[in-house]
C-alpha atoms as a PDB file:
ATOM      1  CA  MET A   1      97.543 103.397 118.439  1.00  0.00           C
ATOM      2  CA  VAL A   2      99.278 102.649 114.985  1.00  0.00           C
ATOM      3  CA  THR A   3     100.507  98.866 114.437  1.00  0.00           C
ATOM      4  CA  PHE A   4     102.784  96.760 112.297  1.00  0.00           C
ATOM      5  CA  VAL A   5     100.474  94.252 109.363  1.00  0.00           C
ATOM      6  CA  ASN A   6     103.180  92.125 110.721  1.00  0.00           C
ATOM      7  CA  ASP A   7     106.454  91.225 112.252  1.00  0.00           C
ATOM      8  CA  ASP A   8     108.645  91.591 109.576  1.00  0.00           C
ATOM      9  CA  ILE A   9     107.581  95.152 108.655  1.00  0.00           C
ATOM     10  CA  GLU A  10     107.700  95.981 111.846  1.00  0.00           C
ATOM     11  CA  ALA A  11     111.642  94.648 111.934  1.00  0.00           C
ATOM     12  CA  LYS A  12     112.230  96.451 109.006  1.00  0.00           C
ATOM     13  CA  TYR A  13     111.018  99.616 110.894  1.00  0.00           C
ATOM     14  CA  ILE A  14     112.963  99.044 113.830  1.00  0.00           C
ATOM     15  CA  SER A  15     116.237  98.543 111.841  1.00  0.00           C
ATOM     16  CA  LEU A  16     116.138 101.665 110.153  1.00  0.00           C
ATOM     17  CA  LEU A  17     118.473 104.049 111.463  1.00  0.00           C
ATOM     18  CA  LYS A  18     117.241 107.247 113.798  1.00  0.00           C
ATOM     19  CA  ASN A  19     118.027 109.804 111.073  1.00  0.00           C
ATOM     20  CA  ASP A  20     116.977 107.723 108.032  1.00  0.00           C
ATOM     21  CA  ARG A  21     114.769 109.793 106.355  1.00  0.00           C
ATOM     22  CA  VAL A  22     112.256 106.874 105.524  1.00  0.00           C
ATOM     23  CA  LYS A  23     111.794 106.527 109.327  1.00  0.00           C
ATOM     24  CA  LYS A  24     111.872 110.381 110.166  1.00  0.00           C
ATOM     25  CA  LYS A  25     108.851 110.400 107.153  1.00  0.00           C
ATOM     26  CA  ILE A  26     107.157 107.071 108.593  1.00  0.00           C
ATOM     27  CA  ASP A  27     107.396 108.889 112.380  1.00  0.00           C
ATOM     28  CA  TRP A  28     105.805 112.394 110.622  1.00  0.00           C
ATOM     29  CA  ILE A  29     102.524 110.391 108.907  1.00  0.00           C
ATOM     30  CA  ILE A  30     102.103 108.612 112.183  1.00  0.00           C
ATOM     31  CA  GLU A  31     102.405 111.520 114.047  1.00  0.00           C
ATOM     32  CA  GLN A  32      99.846 113.165 111.577  1.00  0.00           C
ATOM     33  CA  ILE A  33      97.647 110.344 112.119  1.00  0.00           C
ATOM     34  CA  LYS A  34      97.300 110.609 115.700  1.00  0.00           C
ATOM     35  CA  ILE A  35      96.838 114.104 115.162  1.00  0.00           C
ATOM     36  CA  ASN A  36      94.360 113.584 112.331  1.00  0.00           C
ATOM     37  CA  PRO A  37      92.620 109.795 111.964  1.00  0.00           C
ATOM     38  CA  THR A  38      91.205 111.267 108.764  1.00  0.00           C
ATOM     39  CA  PHE A  39      95.075 112.376 107.279  1.00  0.00           C
ATOM     40  CA  GLY A  40      95.943 109.988 104.090  1.00  0.00           C
ATOM     41  CA  GLU A  41      94.063 108.704 101.287  1.00  0.00           C
ATOM     42  CA  PRO A  42      90.418 108.106 101.392  1.00  0.00           C
ATOM     43  CA  ILE A  43      88.890 104.433 101.031  1.00  0.00           C
ATOM     44  CA  ALA A  44      85.237 103.361 100.821  1.00  0.00           C
ATOM     45  CA  LYS A  45      83.126 103.439 104.143  1.00  0.00           C
ATOM     46  CA  ARG A  46      82.393 100.274 103.607  1.00  0.00           C
ATOM     47  CA  LEU A  47      86.065  98.905 103.832  1.00  0.00           C
ATOM     48  CA  ILE A  48      86.410  99.854 107.180  1.00  0.00           C
ATOM     49  CA  PRO A  49      85.576  97.658 110.065  1.00  0.00           C
ATOM     50  CA  LEU A  50      82.939  99.335 113.064  1.00  0.00           C
ATOM     51  CA  SER A  51      84.804 100.202 116.036  1.00  0.00           C
ATOM     52  CA  LYS A  52      83.463 102.632 118.311  1.00  0.00           C
ATOM     53  CA  THR A  53      86.262 102.168 120.637  1.00  0.00           C
ATOM     54  CA  GLU A  54      89.465 103.141 119.320  1.00  0.00           C
ATOM     55  CA  ILE A  55      91.639 103.944 115.805  1.00  0.00           C
ATOM     56  CA  ASN A  56      93.832 101.751 114.944  1.00  0.00           C
ATOM     57  CA  ALA A  57      96.322 102.585 111.948  1.00  0.00           C
ATOM     58  CA  THR A  58      98.270  99.663 110.484  1.00  0.00           C
ATOM     59  CA  ILE A  59     101.222 100.089 108.617  1.00  0.00           C
ATOM     60  CA  ILE A  60     101.336  97.525 105.616  1.00  0.00           C
ATOM     61  CA  GLU A  61     104.070  98.679 103.612  1.00  0.00           C
ATOM     62  CA  TRP A  62     106.188 101.587 102.786  1.00  0.00           C
ATOM     63  CA  PHE A  63     107.626 102.614  99.532  1.00  0.00           C
ATOM     64  CA  THR A  64     110.694 105.366  99.273  1.00  0.00           C
ATOM     65  CA  ASN A  65     110.548 106.020  95.560  1.00  0.00           C
ATOM     66  CA  HIS A  66     107.999 105.701  92.861  1.00  0.00           C
ATOM     67  CA  LYS A  67     109.508 102.856  90.619  1.00  0.00           C
ATOM     68  CA  SER A  68     109.301 100.916  94.192  1.00  0.00           C
ATOM     69  CA  TYR A  69     105.440 101.998  94.205  1.00  0.00           C
ATOM     70  CA  ASP A  70     104.782 100.983  90.671  1.00  0.00           C
ATOM     71  CA  LYS A  71     106.233  97.788  90.976  1.00  0.00           C
ATOM     72  CA  GLY A  72     104.242  97.005  93.550  1.00  0.00           C
ATOM     73  CA  PHE A  73     100.737  97.830  92.202  1.00  0.00           C
ATOM     74  CA  GLY A  74     101.996  96.159  88.902  1.00  0.00           C
ATOM     75  CA  TYR A  75     102.448  99.868  87.368  1.00  0.00           C
END
């Protein structure tokens, strides 16, 4: 199951046009996570809550370019 961290992020995703390259990329990543739940950047196992019944991915934020990524992480 894939969820969004809050309604604002979900609304932003929903507002993207079907053919928008960002939406296509997010959809592709969601499919990759469904195929392989370990897809993406690894994080420390101690930060992952225990869950034996389901795997859940949460979209917190996405960046469309390096400049916004750098700004988001304070570089």
